[in-house]
Amino acid sequence: MISRRDLTIGLLGACGLRAQTRQEKGESLVRSAFSTIGGEAFLAIQTQVRAGRAYSFYNRQVRGTARITIYDRYERLRADAEPDWLPVKRREVYTEKGDYYALFLNGAVYEVTYRGVVPEHDDYVARYRQESRRDIFYFFRYRLDEPGLYFYHQGTEIIDNVPCDAVDIVDAAGDAITVFLRKADGLPIQQQYLRRDRKTRVPYEEKSLFGRYKPVGDCLLPWIIRRERDGDRVFELYADSYEANRPLSASVFSLPSDLPMLPPNP
């Protein structure tokens, strides 16, 4: 005969097992997604070049459209780096002539036109750094084995009529993202997190959606990216070419020496 004490201990043990299982399942799903996009082959990508159409939105209306080319270089994490330093360099070119572009250099951001080089304002740069660190593909590359991470499998969610596993990832500082992994293949199709305005402390829901996964070398990567803020679209990218490990000269990620440095954007 089972005593009340034994039954209580058994129930508590079962509850603990379920909680642990959700944590283990969350981490297992995220690590499986990392393997699905390419695993070690993904980490071996040092440069990538994407080209296609980009759209920006304001108040639910198209604010701008451009033929865009995005150059990325991924560097090693540095133990002695400043807190705001990022191991990523990017050049986003917005014109066919290449005379209007943005440079994202290890956490600093500059707008470059024929008039000169303009540093972006502090709020924009802070938001860019936060977006970079919470991007799931940045996470796969640099943060998957970060100490203090907590994973939790929420359960099944339906995203655009597609069943997904919803997984929370929380770092040691308490910053969290939720990633939605398609049940059919484990690929990330959406991520979201809350961001607070540095001045007003108003929270914003930042969401990224990923689509049209296609091979890039030995990896599977999204060729469509859409970003939303509080449910409103702010950016869309439709890539029609995507290359990995193309040799890129250092000048691609260097500030032009023949242009003046102008005052920061207000």
C-alpha atoms as a PDB file:
ATOM      1  CA  MET A   1       0.000   0.000   0.000  1.00  0.00           C
ATOM      2  CA  ILE A   2       1.327   3.432  -0.969  1.00  0.00           C
ATOM      3  CA  SER A   3       1.450   5.930   1.885  1.00  0.00           C
ATOM      4  CA  ARG A   4       0.331   9.549   1.577  1.00  0.00           C
ATOM      5  CA  ARG A   5       3.946  10.629   2.145  1.00  0.00           C
ATOM      6  CA  ASP A   6       5.233   8.430  -0.695  1.00  0.00           C
ATOM      7  CA  LEU A   7       2.473   9.708  -2.972  1.00  0.00           C
ATOM      8  CA  THR A   8       3.336  13.331  -2.152  1.00  0.00           C
ATOM      9  CA  ILE A   9       7.029  12.743  -2.821  1.00  0.00           C
ATOM     10  CA  GLY A  10       6.168  11.015  -6.097  1.00  0.00           C
ATOM     11  CA  LEU A  11       3.968  13.898  -7.245  1.00  0.00           C
ATOM     12  CA  LEU A  12       6.618  16.464  -6.366  1.00  0.00           C
ATOM     13  CA  GLY A  13       9.207  14.430  -8.225  1.00  0.00           C
ATOM     14  CA  ALA A  14       6.965  14.204 -11.263  1.00  0.00           C
ATOM     15  CA  CYS A  15       6.415  17.985 -11.237  1.00  0.00           C
ATOM     16  CA  GLY A  16      10.162  18.517 -11.036  1.00  0.00           C
ATOM     17  CA  LEU A  17      10.681  16.095 -13.886  1.00  0.00           C
ATOM     18  CA  ARG A  18       8.192  17.952 -16.076  1.00  0.00           C
ATOM     19  CA  ALA A  19       9.856  21.314 -15.368  1.00  0.00           C
ATOM     20  CA  GLN A  20      13.275  19.873 -16.119  1.00  0.00           C
ATOM     21  CA  THR A  21      11.949  18.250 -19.273  1.00  0.00           C
ATOM     22  CA  ARG A  22      10.705  21.605 -20.585  1.00  0.00           C
ATOM     23  CA  GLN A  23      14.130  23.126 -19.987  1.00  0.00           C
ATOM     24  CA  GLU A  24      15.942  20.219 -21.580  1.00  0.00           C
ATOM     25  CA  LYS A  25      13.536  20.129 -24.509  1.00  0.00           C
ATOM     26  CA  GLY A  26      13.936  23.857 -25.086  1.00  0.00           C
ATOM     27  CA  GLU A  27      17.713  23.579 -25.253  1.00  0.00           C
ATOM     28  CA  SER A  28      17.512  20.434 -27.389  1.00  0.00           C
ATOM     29  CA  LEU A  29      15.207  22.150 -29.905  1.00  0.00           C
ATOM     30  CA  VAL A  30      17.487  25.196 -30.187  1.00  0.00           C
ATOM     31  CA  ARG A  31      20.594  23.071 -30.648  1.00  0.00           C
ATOM     32  CA  SER A  32      18.767  20.967 -33.230  1.00  0.00           C
ATOM     33  CA  ALA A  33      17.815  24.140 -35.120  1.00  0.00           C
ATOM     34  CA  PHE A  34      21.478  25.172 -35.101  1.00  0.00           C
ATOM     35  CA  SER A  35      22.387  21.819 -36.650  1.00  0.00           C
ATOM     36  CA  THR A  36      19.603  22.132 -39.224  1.00  0.00           C
ATOM     37  CA  ILE A  37      20.822  25.483 -40.547  1.00  0.00           C
ATOM     38  CA  GLY A  38      24.322  24.056 -40.936  1.00  0.00           C
ATOM     39  CA  GLY A  39      26.017  23.626 -37.561  1.00  0.00           C
ATOM     40  CA  GLU A  40      29.782  23.762 -38.012  1.00  0.00           C
ATOM     41  CA  ALA A  41      29.345  24.742 -41.679  1.00  0.00           C
ATOM     42  CA  PHE A  42      27.383  27.795 -40.498  1.00  0.00           C
ATOM     43  CA  LEU A  43      30.171  28.729 -38.087  1.00  0.00           C
ATOM     44  CA  ALA A  44      32.679  28.371 -40.929  1.00  0.00           C
ATOM     45  CA  ILE A  45      31.028  31.254 -42.827  1.00  0.00           C
ATOM     46  CA  GLN A  46      33.350  34.222 -42.398  1.00  0.00           C
ATOM     47  CA  THR A  47      31.800  36.491 -45.015  1.00  0.00           C
ATOM     48  CA  GLN A  48      28.466  36.613 -46.771  1.00  0.00           C
ATOM     49  CA  VAL A  49      26.993  38.785 -49.513  1.00  0.00           C
ATOM     50  CA  ARG A  50      23.258  39.166 -50.090  1.00  0.00           C
ATOM     51  CA  ALA A  51      21.560  41.194 -52.803  1.00  0.00           C
ATOM     52  CA  GLY A  52      17.894  41.866 -53.494  1.00  0.00           C
ATOM     53  CA  ARG A  53      15.039  44.279 -52.891  1.00  0.00           C
ATOM     54  CA  ALA A  54      14.567  46.051 -49.566  1.00  0.00           C
ATOM     55  CA  TYR A  55      11.537  47.989 -48.328  1.00  0.00           C
ATOM     56  CA  SER A  56      11.229  50.301 -45.337  1.00  0.00           C
ATOM     57  CA  PHE A  57       7.882  51.280 -43.806  1.00  0.00           C
ATOM     58  CA  TYR A  58       6.506  54.085 -41.675  1.00  0.00           C
ATOM     59  CA  ASN A  59       2.919  54.236 -40.351  1.00  0.00           C
ATOM     60  CA  ARG A  60       2.155  51.086 -42.373  1.00  0.00           C
ATOM     61  CA  GLN A  61       3.112  52.803 -45.629  1.00  0.00           C
ATOM     62  CA  VAL A  62       6.143  52.088 -47.802  1.00  0.00           C
ATOM     63  CA  ARG A  63       8.647  54.821 -46.998  1.00  0.00           C
ATOM     64  CA  GLY A  64      11.428  53.665 -49.284  1.00  0.00           C
ATOM     65  CA  THR A  65      12.503  50.906 -51.626  1.00  0.00           C
ATOM     66  CA  ALA A  66      15.953  50.115 -52.934  1.00  0.00           C
ATOM     67  CA  ARG A  67      18.095  47.561 -54.628  1.00  0.00           C
ATOM     68  CA  ILE A  68      20.293  46.575 -51.684  1.00  0.00           C
ATOM     69  CA  THR A  69      23.549  44.676 -51.312  1.00  0.00           C
ATOM     70  CA  ILE A  70      24.635  43.596 -47.834  1.00  0.00           C
ATOM     71  CA  TYR A  71      28.218  42.587 -47.065  1.00  0.00           C
ATOM     72  CA  ASP A  72      28.937  40.879 -43.726  1.00  0.00           C
ATOM     73  CA  ARG A  73      32.179  39.841 -42.077  1.00  0.00           C
ATOM     74  CA  TYR A  74      32.158  37.702 -38.927  1.00  0.00           C
ATOM     75  CA  GLU A  75      35.081  37.948 -36.548  1.00  0.00           C
ATOM     76  CA  ARG A  76      36.131  36.079 -33.437  1.00  0.00           C
ATOM     77  CA  LEU A  77      34.819  37.087 -30.046  1.00  0.00           C
ATOM     78  CA  ARG A  78      37.435  38.964 -28.032  1.00  0.00           C
ATOM     79  CA  ALA A  79      37.679  38.357 -24.310  1.00  0.00           C
ATOM     80  CA  ASP A  80      39.246  41.799 -23.806  1.00  0.00           C
ATOM     81  CA  ALA A  81      36.690  43.677 -25.915  1.00  0.00           C
ATOM     82  CA  GLU A  82      34.680  46.616 -24.603  1.00  0.00           C
ATOM     83  CA  PRO A  83      31.058  45.780 -23.650  1.00  0.00           C
ATOM     84  CA  ASP A  84      29.663  47.578 -26.717  1.00  0.00           C
ATOM     85  CA  TRP A  85      32.043  45.863 -29.157  1.00  0.00           C
ATOM     86  CA  LEU A  86      30.437  43.452 -31.651  1.00  0.00           C
ATOM     87  CA  PRO A  87      32.338  40.808 -33.670  1.00  0.00           C
ATOM     88  CA  VAL A  88      30.461  41.772 -36.845  1.00  0.00           C
ATOM     89  CA  LYS A  89      31.124  44.238 -39.642  1.00  0.00           C
ATOM     90  CA  ARG A  90      28.475  45.097 -42.233  1.00  0.00           C
ATOM     91  CA  ARG A  91      28.129  47.327 -45.258  1.00  0.00           C
ATOM     92  CA  GLU A  92      24.629  47.987 -46.626  1.00  0.00           C
ATOM     93  CA  VAL A  93      24.700  49.584 -50.085  1.00  0.00           C
ATOM     94  CA  TYR A  94      21.463  51.285 -51.180  1.00  0.00           C
ATOM     95  CA  THR A  95      22.257  52.517 -54.723  1.00  0.00           C
ATOM     96  CA  GLU A  96      23.482  50.951 -57.944  1.00  0.00           C
ATOM     97  CA  LYS A  97      26.453  53.335 -57.980  1.00  0.00           C
ATOM     98  CA  GLY A  98      27.346  52.444 -54.407  1.00  0.00           C
ATOM     99  CA  ASP A  99      27.553  56.107 -53.361  1.00  0.00           C
ATOM    100  CA  TYR A 100      25.025  55.782 -50.522  1.00  0.00           C
ATOM    101  CA  TYR A 101      25.588  53.143 -47.872  1.00  0.00           C
ATOM    102  CA  ALA A 102      25.758  52.401 -44.157  1.00  0.00           C
ATOM    103  CA  LEU A 103      28.712  50.928 -42.276  1.00  0.00           C
ATOM    104  CA  PHE A 104      28.237  48.904 -39.104  1.00  0.00           C
ATOM    105  CA  LEU A 105      31.715  48.521 -37.641  1.00  0.00           C
ATOM    106  CA  ASN A 106      31.935  46.379 -34.504  1.00  0.00           C
ATOM    107  CA  GLY A 107      29.044  48.211 -32.862  1.00  0.00           C
ATOM    108  CA  ALA A 108      29.507  51.707 -34.343  1.00  0.00           C
ATOM    109  CA  VAL A 109      27.238  52.908 -37.173  1.00  0.00           C
ATOM    110  CA  TYR A 110      27.889  55.451 -39.941  1.00  0.00           C
ATOM    111  CA  GLU A 111      25.871  56.755 -42.873  1.00  0.00           C
ATOM    112  CA  VAL A 112      27.982  57.523 -45.953  1.00  0.00           C
ATOM    113  CA  THR A 113      26.926  59.722 -48.882  1.00  0.00           C
ATOM    114  CA  TYR A 114      28.793  61.865 -51.401  1.00  0.00           C
ATOM    115  CA  ARG A 115      28.604  64.691 -48.831  1.00  0.00           C
ATOM    116  CA  GLY A 116      30.536  62.836 -46.155  1.00  0.00           C
ATOM    117  CA  VAL A 117      30.373  60.401 -43.244  1.00  0.00           C
ATOM    118  CA  VAL A 118      27.687  60.882 -40.597  1.00  0.00           C
ATOM    119  CA  PRO A 119      27.802  58.949 -37.288  1.00  0.00           C
ATOM    120  CA  GLU A 120      24.372  57.699 -36.240  1.00  0.00           C
ATOM    121  CA  HIS A 121      22.860  59.045 -33.018  1.00  0.00           C
ATOM    122  CA  ASP A 122      23.286  57.160 -29.754  1.00  0.00           C
ATOM    123  CA  ASP A 123      19.723  55.795 -29.555  1.00  0.00           C
ATOM    124  CA  TYR A 124      19.968  54.272 -33.036  1.00  0.00           C
ATOM    125  CA  VAL A 125      23.330  52.685 -32.233  1.00  0.00           C
ATOM    126  CA  ALA A 126      22.086  51.283 -28.914  1.00  0.00           C
ATOM    127  CA  ARG A 127      19.063  49.750 -30.651  1.00  0.00           C
ATOM    128  CA  TYR A 128      21.299  48.239 -33.356  1.00  0.00           C
ATOM    129  CA  ARG A 129      23.578  46.637 -30.754  1.00  0.00           C
ATOM    130  CA  GLN A 130      20.596  45.194 -28.910  1.00  0.00           C
ATOM    131  CA  GLU A 131      19.018  43.880 -32.125  1.00  0.00           C
ATOM    132  CA  SER A 132      22.294  42.257 -33.128  1.00  0.00           C
ATOM    133  CA  ARG A 133      22.827  40.443 -29.826  1.00  0.00           C
ATOM    134  CA  ARG A 134      19.237  39.192 -29.758  1.00  0.00           C
ATOM    135  CA  ASP A 135      19.147  38.039 -33.358  1.00  0.00           C
ATOM    136  CA  ILE A 136      18.768  34.254 -33.369  1.00  0.00           C
ATOM    137  CA  PHE A 137      21.438  33.785 -36.053  1.00  0.00           C
ATOM    138  CA  TYR A 138      23.886  35.919 -34.064  1.00  0.00           C
ATOM    139  CA  PHE A 139      22.913  33.786 -31.090  1.00  0.00           C
ATOM    140  CA  PHE A 140      23.676  30.585 -33.022  1.00  0.00           C
ATOM    141  CA  ARG A 141      27.064  31.943 -34.053  1.00  0.00           C
ATOM    142  CA  TYR A 142      28.273  33.565 -30.839  1.00  0.00           C
ATOM    143  CA  ARG A 143      26.050  32.829 -27.846  1.00  0.00           C
ATOM    144  CA  LEU A 144      24.878  29.204 -27.938  1.00  0.00           C
ATOM    145  CA  ASP A 145      27.377  28.130 -25.263  1.00  0.00           C
ATOM    146  CA  GLU A 146      27.258  31.360 -23.257  1.00  0.00           C
ATOM    147  CA  PRO A 147      27.318  30.759 -19.478  1.00  0.00           C
ATOM    148  CA  GLY A 148      24.053  31.293 -17.614  1.00  0.00           C
ATOM    149  CA  LEU A 149      21.617  30.673 -20.466  1.00  0.00           C
ATOM    150  CA  TYR A 150      18.169  29.351 -19.573  1.00  0.00           C
ATOM    151  CA  PHE A 151      15.951  27.592 -22.131  1.00  0.00           C
ATOM    152  CA  TYR A 152      12.255  26.873 -21.698  1.00  0.00           C
ATOM    153  CA  HIS A 153       9.895  25.112 -24.101  1.00  0.00           C
ATOM    154  CA  GLN A 154       6.540  26.912 -23.922  1.00  0.00           C
ATOM    155  CA  GLY A 155       4.705  24.425 -26.114  1.00  0.00           C
ATOM    156  CA  THR A 156       3.144  24.557 -29.566  1.00  0.00           C
ATOM    157  CA  GLU A 157       2.155  27.859 -31.210  1.00  0.00           C
ATOM    158  CA  ILE A 158       0.579  28.459 -34.624  1.00  0.00           C
ATOM    159  CA  ILE A 159       2.492  31.060 -36.663  1.00  0.00           C
ATOM    160  CA  ASP A 160       0.901  31.944 -40.038  1.00  0.00           C
ATOM    161  CA  ASN A 161      -0.992  28.622 -39.916  1.00  0.00           C
ATOM    162  CA  VAL A 162       2.266  26.717 -39.297  1.00  0.00           C
ATOM    163  CA  PRO A 163       2.702  24.645 -36.101  1.00  0.00           C
ATOM    164  CA  CYS A 164       5.845  25.727 -34.242  1.00  0.00           C
ATOM    165  CA  ASP A 165       7.688  24.986 -31.021  1.00  0.00           C
ATOM    166  CA  ALA A 166       7.975  28.162 -28.953  1.00  0.00           C
ATOM    167  CA  VAL A 167      11.199  28.363 -26.925  1.00  0.00           C
ATOM    168  CA  ASP A 168      12.236  31.106 -24.500  1.00  0.00           C
ATOM    169  CA  ILE A 169      15.950  31.865 -24.225  1.00  0.00           C
ATOM    170  CA  VAL A 170      17.007  33.987 -21.248  1.00  0.00           C
ATOM    171  CA  ASP A 171      20.588  35.093 -20.639  1.00  0.00           C
ATOM    172  CA  ALA A 172      22.372  35.676 -17.323  1.00  0.00           C
ATOM    173  CA  ALA A 173      21.359  39.366 -17.373  1.00  0.00           C
ATOM    174  CA  GLY A 174      17.666  38.464 -17.689  1.00  0.00           C
ATOM    175  CA  ASP A 175      17.303  39.551 -21.334  1.00  0.00           C
ATOM    176  CA  ALA A 176      14.968  37.189 -23.185  1.00  0.00           C
ATOM    177  CA  ILE A 177      13.960  36.251 -26.697  1.00  0.00           C
ATOM    178  CA  THR A 178      11.307  33.807 -27.851  1.00  0.00           C
ATOM    179  CA  VAL A 179      12.079  31.823 -30.986  1.00  0.00           C
ATOM    180  CA  PHE A 180       9.497  29.840 -32.945  1.00  0.00           C
ATOM    181  CA  LEU A 181      10.860  26.697 -34.611  1.00  0.00           C
ATOM    182  CA  ARG A 182       8.814  25.080 -37.372  1.00  0.00           C
ATOM    183  CA  LYS A 183       7.776  21.596 -36.265  1.00  0.00           C
ATOM    184  CA  ALA A 184       8.173  20.172 -39.765  1.00  0.00           C
ATOM    185  CA  ASP A 185      11.926  20.812 -39.930  1.00  0.00           C
ATOM    186  CA  GLY A 186      12.987  22.760 -36.815  1.00  0.00           C
ATOM    187  CA  LEU A 187      13.929  25.929 -38.715  1.00  0.00           C
ATOM    188  CA  PRO A 188      13.423  29.339 -37.035  1.00  0.00           C
ATOM    189  CA  ILE A 189      10.540  31.188 -38.687  1.00  0.00           C
ATOM    190  CA  GLN A 190       9.994  33.920 -36.092  1.00  0.00           C
ATOM    191  CA  GLN A 191      11.607  35.524 -33.060  1.00  0.00           C
ATOM    192  CA  GLN A 192      10.415  38.266 -30.747  1.00  0.00           C
ATOM    193  CA  TYR A 193      11.451  40.193 -27.652  1.00  0.00           C
ATOM    194  CA  LEU A 194      10.536  43.314 -25.692  1.00  0.00           C
ATOM    195  CA  ARG A 195      12.742  46.390 -25.947  1.00  0.00           C
ATOM    196  CA  ARG A 196      12.370  49.448 -23.731  1.00  0.00           C
ATOM    197  CA  ASP A 197      13.073  52.929 -25.045  1.00  0.00           C
ATOM    198  CA  ARG A 198      16.193  54.224 -23.300  1.00  0.00           C
ATOM    199  CA  LYS A 199      14.573  57.587 -22.468  1.00  0.00           C
ATOM    200  CA  THR A 200      10.852  56.951 -22.018  1.00  0.00           C
ATOM    201  CA  ARG A 201      11.095  53.288 -20.880  1.00  0.00           C
ATOM    202  CA  VAL A 202       8.103  52.552 -23.122  1.00  0.00           C
ATOM    203  CA  PRO A 203       8.207  48.855 -24.154  1.00  0.00           C
ATOM    204  CA  TYR A 204       8.191  47.857 -27.824  1.00  0.00           C
ATOM    205  CA  GLU A 205       7.713  44.356 -29.184  1.00  0.00           C
ATOM    206  CA  GLU A 206      10.417  43.681 -31.753  1.00  0.00           C
ATOM    207  CA  LYS A 207       9.673  40.798 -34.107  1.00  0.00           C
ATOM    208  CA  SER A 208      11.618  39.220 -36.975  1.00  0.00           C
ATOM    209  CA  LEU A 209      10.180  36.706 -39.414  1.00  0.00           C
ATOM    210  CA  PHE A 210      12.277  34.422 -41.614  1.00  0.00           C
ATOM    211  CA  GLY A 211      11.189  32.716 -44.821  1.00  0.00           C
ATOM    212  CA  ARG A 212      12.198  31.016 -48.056  1.00  0.00           C
ATOM    213  CA  TYR A 213      15.022  28.930 -46.629  1.00  0.00           C
ATOM    214  CA  LYS A 214      17.384  27.887 -49.411  1.00  0.00           C
ATOM    215  CA  PRO A 215      20.879  26.393 -49.555  1.00  0.00           C
ATOM    216  CA  VAL A 216      23.856  28.708 -49.138  1.00  0.00           C
ATOM    217  CA  GLY A 217      26.855  26.456 -49.522  1.00  0.00           C
ATOM    218  CA  ASP A 218      26.312  23.667 -46.997  1.00  0.00           C
ATOM    219  CA  CYS A 219      23.822  25.708 -44.963  1.00  0.00           C
ATOM    220  CA  LEU A 220      20.096  26.453 -45.034  1.00  0.00           C
ATOM    221  CA  LEU A 221      19.477  30.175 -44.536  1.00  0.00           C
ATOM    222  CA  PRO A 222      16.481  32.523 -44.951  1.00  0.00           C
ATOM    223  CA  TRP A 223      16.307  34.594 -48.129  1.00  0.00           C
ATOM    224  CA  ILE A 224      13.340  36.636 -46.860  1.00  0.00           C
ATOM    225  CA  ILE A 225      13.479  38.656 -43.628  1.00  0.00           C
ATOM    226  CA  ARG A 226      10.720  40.876 -42.277  1.00  0.00           C
ATOM    227  CA  ARG A 227      10.917  43.020 -39.158  1.00  0.00           C
ATOM    228  CA  GLU A 228       7.972  44.392 -37.216  1.00  0.00           C
ATOM    229  CA  ARG A 229       7.636  46.767 -34.284  1.00  0.00           C
ATOM    230  CA  ASP A 230       4.463  46.505 -32.204  1.00  0.00           C
ATOM    231  CA  GLY A 231       2.799  44.676 -35.100  1.00  0.00           C
ATOM    232  CA  ASP A 232       3.732  47.227 -37.784  1.00  0.00           C
ATOM    233  CA  ARG A 233       6.160  46.329 -40.555  1.00  0.00           C
ATOM    234  CA  VAL A 234       9.354  48.377 -40.520  1.00  0.00           C
ATOM    235  CA  PHE A 235      11.634  46.479 -42.936  1.00  0.00           C
ATOM    236  CA  GLU A 236      11.544  43.696 -45.523  1.00  0.00           C
ATOM    237  CA  LEU A 237      14.371  42.060 -47.456  1.00  0.00           C
ATOM    238  CA  TYR A 238      13.851  39.757 -50.454  1.00  0.00           C
ATOM    239  CA  ALA A 239      17.217  38.377 -51.468  1.00  0.00           C
ATOM    240  CA  ASP A 240      17.735  37.004 -54.966  1.00  0.00           C
ATOM    241  CA  SER A 241      21.413  36.108 -54.479  1.00  0.00           C
ATOM    242  CA  TYR A 242      23.280  34.874 -51.426  1.00  0.00           C
ATOM    243  CA  GLU A 243      26.967  33.954 -51.307  1.00  0.00           C
ATOM    244  CA  ALA A 244      29.107  32.631 -48.485  1.00  0.00           C
ATOM    245  CA  ASN A 245      32.849  33.105 -47.991  1.00  0.00           C
ATOM    246  CA  ARG A 246      33.407  35.408 -50.948  1.00  0.00           C
ATOM    247  CA  PRO A 247      36.804  37.118 -50.505  1.00  0.00           C
ATOM    248  CA  LEU A 248      36.198  40.733 -49.452  1.00  0.00           C
ATOM    249  CA  SER A 249      38.863  43.398 -49.206  1.00  0.00           C
ATOM    250  CA  ALA A 250      39.363  45.369 -46.011  1.00  0.00           C
ATOM    251  CA  SER A 251      38.239  48.528 -47.843  1.00  0.00           C
ATOM    252  CA  VAL A 252      34.667  47.193 -47.973  1.00  0.00           C
ATOM    253  CA  PHE A 253      34.465  47.713 -44.218  1.00  0.00           C
ATOM    254  CA  SER A 254      36.591  50.860 -43.929  1.00  0.00           C
ATOM    255  CA  LEU A 255      35.502  54.469 -43.610  1.00  0.00           C
ATOM    256  CA  PRO A 256      36.367  56.427 -46.771  1.00  0.00           C
ATOM    257  CA  SER A 257      39.449  58.594 -46.338  1.00  0.00           C
ATOM    258  CA  ASP A 258      38.439  61.094 -49.051  1.00  0.00           C
ATOM    259  CA  LEU A 259      35.194  62.229 -47.367  1.00  0.00           C
ATOM    260  CA  PRO A 260      34.810  64.577 -44.388  1.00  0.00           C
ATOM    261  CA  MET A 261      33.436  63.445 -41.029  1.00  0.00           C
ATOM    262  CA  LEU A 262      30.182  65.360 -40.450  1.00  0.00           C
ATOM    263  CA  PRO A 263      28.242  66.005 -37.222  1.00  0.00           C
ATOM    264  CA  PRO A 264      26.172  63.071 -35.912  1.00  0.00           C
ATOM    265  CA  ASN A 265      22.567  62.647 -36.939  1.00  0.00           C
ATOM    266  CA  PRO A 266      20.230  64.385 -34.471  1.00  0.00           C
END
